[in-house]
Amino acid sequence: MKYVFLSLLAGMLLFGSENAAAEVNPSSAPAANANRVIELNEDSFIQKVFDFRNSETWEYKGDRPAIVDFYAVWCGPCKQLAPILEELQSEYGEKIQIYKVDAEKNRELAAAFGVSAYPTMIFIPMDADPAGARGLLPKEELERIIAEFLNVEK
């Protein structure tokens, strides 16, 4: 199967960081709660974000800009990033949606996006192709990316 996201890797360095990754605490939240980070598996990713198994052309299914955080439960930097993403989701509310994916439980999905380090975040604007970053980014940098790339203000 051909994954369009392998070509996305070059764009993923757009927001690259030399910092280490942070672990996201695995909590599931109902999709209706706009102030919660939502945990996705491969099937729910296909329903809410993109059908990576059957489509070669990016077509975002969401109704607002999103961030997808690929993490591992053992990853220290992922653990540091988790509360930052929760804060951002709470602060931005219904203006964005933050998702998290346990990359080790969802290997096919992680491979489709070229995830080889944790955390890896994919930033999904409404009107452009996604881009990403690897490593732990400070909250201020994430806010800058949300404002400039996702075109969302608090």
Protein backbone atom coordinates (compact mmCIF):
# COMPACT_ATOMS: atom_id res chain seq x y z
CA MET A 1 0.00 0.00 0.00
CA LYS A 2 1.28 3.43 -0.93
CA TYR A 3 1.23 6.12 1.75
CA VAL A 4 1.13 9.73 0.69
CA PHE A 5 2.51 10.72 4.10
CA LEU A 6 6.00 9.45 3.44
CA SER A 7 6.43 12.51 1.24
CA LEU A 8 5.09 14.57 4.14
CA LEU A 9 8.25 13.84 6.13
CA ALA A 10 10.20 16.61 4.44
CA GLY A 11 7.49 19.05 5.49
CA MET A 12 7.48 17.65 9.01
CA LEU A 13 10.77 19.35 9.71
CA LEU A 14 9.02 22.67 9.15
CA PHE A 15 8.51 22.94 12.89
CA GLY A 16 11.40 20.70 13.92
CA SER A 17 12.90 20.78 17.36
CA GLU A 18 16.10 19.46 18.83
CA ASN A 19 14.34 18.92 22.15
CA ALA A 20 13.42 15.49 23.46
CA ALA A 21 9.89 14.08 23.40
CA ALA A 22 7.21 13.98 26.14
CA GLU A 23 4.74 11.26 27.18
CA VAL A 24 1.03 11.80 26.86
CA ASN A 25 -1.12 10.34 29.61
CA PRO A 26 -3.57 7.91 28.03
CA SER A 27 -7.04 9.26 28.82
CA SER A 28 -10.02 8.76 26.58
CA ALA A 29 -12.48 11.60 26.23
CA PRO A 30 -15.78 11.77 24.41
CA ALA A 31 -15.58 13.46 21.03
CA ALA A 32 -18.35 15.84 22.09
CA ASN A 33 -16.18 17.43 24.79
CA ALA A 34 -14.31 20.24 23.03
CA ASN A 35 -12.11 20.90 26.04
CA ARG A 36 -10.47 17.46 26.10
CA VAL A 37 -7.67 15.87 24.17
CA ILE A 38 -9.12 12.82 22.41
CA GLU A 39 -7.29 9.49 22.19
CA LEU A 40 -7.53 7.85 18.76
CA ASN A 41 -6.76 4.39 17.47
CA GLU A 42 -6.41 3.51 13.79
CA ASP A 43 -10.15 3.03 13.25
CA SER A 44 -11.21 6.25 14.98
CA PHE A 45 -8.42 8.13 13.15
CA ILE A 46 -9.93 6.95 9.86
CA GLN A 47 -13.37 8.17 10.97
CA LYS A 48 -12.34 11.55 12.41
CA VAL A 49 -9.17 12.59 10.57
CA PHE A 50 -8.18 10.75 7.40
CA ASP A 51 -8.59 7.32 5.78
CA PHE A 52 -4.89 6.55 5.54
CA ARG A 53 -5.59 2.97 4.41
CA ASN A 54 -7.67 3.74 1.33
CA SER A 55 -6.73 7.22 0.14
CA GLU A 56 -3.55 8.52 -1.41
CA THR A 57 -4.71 12.14 -1.45
CA TRP A 58 -4.97 14.12 1.76
CA GLU A 59 -8.59 14.83 2.66
CA TYR A 60 -9.13 16.01 6.22
CA LYS A 61 -12.45 14.89 7.72
CA GLY A 62 -12.47 17.30 10.66
CA ASP A 63 -14.44 20.49 11.05
CA ARG A 64 -11.71 22.49 12.80
CA PRO A 65 -7.89 22.62 12.72
CA ALA A 66 -6.22 19.82 14.64
CA ILE A 67 -3.02 18.58 16.19
CA VAL A 68 -2.26 14.86 16.33
CA ASP A 69 0.31 13.84 18.92
CA PHE A 70 2.00 10.47 18.32
CA TYR A 71 3.44 9.29 21.64
CA ALA A 72 4.72 6.27 23.54
CA VAL A 73 3.68 5.53 27.13
CA TRP A 74 7.31 5.07 28.26
CA CYS A 75 8.53 8.34 26.70
CA GLY A 76 9.61 10.98 29.24
CA PRO A 77 9.25 14.00 26.93
CA CYS A 78 5.79 12.71 25.91
CA LYS A 79 4.84 12.81 29.60
CA GLN A 80 5.97 16.44 29.73
CA LEU A 81 3.99 17.33 26.61
CA ALA A 82 0.69 15.78 27.76
CA PRO A 83 -0.33 18.50 30.25
CA ILE A 84 0.70 21.23 27.79
CA LEU A 85 -1.60 19.77 25.14
CA GLU A 86 -4.41 19.48 27.69
CA GLU A 87 -3.92 23.18 28.59
CA LEU A 88 -3.94 24.20 24.94
CA GLN A 89 -7.11 22.22 24.24
CA SER A 90 -8.79 23.85 27.23
CA GLU A 91 -7.61 27.34 26.27
CA TYR A 92 -8.58 27.08 22.58
CA GLY A 93 -11.78 25.11 23.22
CA GLU A 94 -13.82 24.47 20.09
CA LYS A 95 -11.39 26.40 17.86
CA ILE A 96 -9.03 23.41 17.54
CA GLN A 97 -9.03 19.71 18.34
CA ILE A 98 -6.03 17.93 19.80
CA TYR A 99 -5.78 14.19 19.32
CA LYS A 100 -3.25 11.72 20.63
CA VAL A 101 -2.25 8.34 19.24
CA ASP A 102 -0.25 5.67 21.04
CA ALA A 103 2.20 5.00 18.22
CA GLU A 104 3.25 1.62 19.54
CA LYS A 105 -0.32 0.32 19.67
CA ASN A 106 -1.12 1.85 16.26
CA ARG A 107 1.97 0.97 14.25
CA GLU A 108 0.34 1.03 10.81
CA LEU A 109 -0.95 4.56 11.41
CA ALA A 110 2.39 5.74 12.84
CA ALA A 111 4.21 4.26 9.83
CA ALA A 112 1.84 6.04 7.45
CA PHE A 113 3.01 9.34 8.93
CA GLY A 114 6.67 8.32 9.12
CA VAL A 115 6.73 8.45 12.92
CA SER A 116 10.12 7.24 14.14
CA ALA A 117 10.64 9.44 17.22
CA TYR A 118 8.42 10.53 20.08
CA PRO A 119 6.62 12.77 20.33
CA THR A 120 5.81 13.53 16.72
CA MET A 121 3.04 16.06 16.16
CA ILE A 122 1.07 16.58 12.98
CA PHE A 123 -0.51 20.01 12.54
CA ILE A 124 -3.64 19.97 10.37
CA PRO A 125 -4.98 23.30 9.07
CA MET A 126 -8.36 23.53 7.39
CA ASP A 127 -7.06 24.93 4.11
CA ALA A 128 -3.66 23.31 3.52
CA ASP A 129 -1.74 20.06 3.76
CA PRO A 130 -0.56 18.97 7.20
CA ALA A 131 2.95 19.53 8.50
CA GLY A 132 4.66 18.21 11.55
CA ALA A 133 7.36 18.43 14.17
CA ARG A 134 9.36 15.99 16.20
CA GLY A 135 10.36 16.46 19.79
CA LEU A 136 9.11 18.36 22.77
CA LEU A 137 8.11 21.90 21.84
CA PRO A 138 7.48 24.54 24.51
CA LYS A 139 3.96 25.85 24.91
CA GLU A 140 4.94 29.22 23.43
CA GLU A 141 6.17 27.55 20.24
CA LEU A 142 3.01 25.48 19.97
CA GLU A 143 0.94 28.66 20.37
CA ARG A 144 2.97 30.28 17.59
CA ILE A 145 2.34 27.30 15.28
CA ILE A 146 -1.37 27.32 16.14
CA ALA A 147 -1.58 31.03 15.30
CA GLU A 148 0.61 31.06 12.19
CA PHE A 149 0.07 27.64 10.61
CA LEU A 150 -3.38 26.65 11.84
CA ASN A 151 -4.61 30.28 11.65
CA VAL A 152 -6.31 30.10 15.04
CA GLU A 153 -6.24 32.73 17.77
CA LYS A 154 -7.37 32.22 21.36
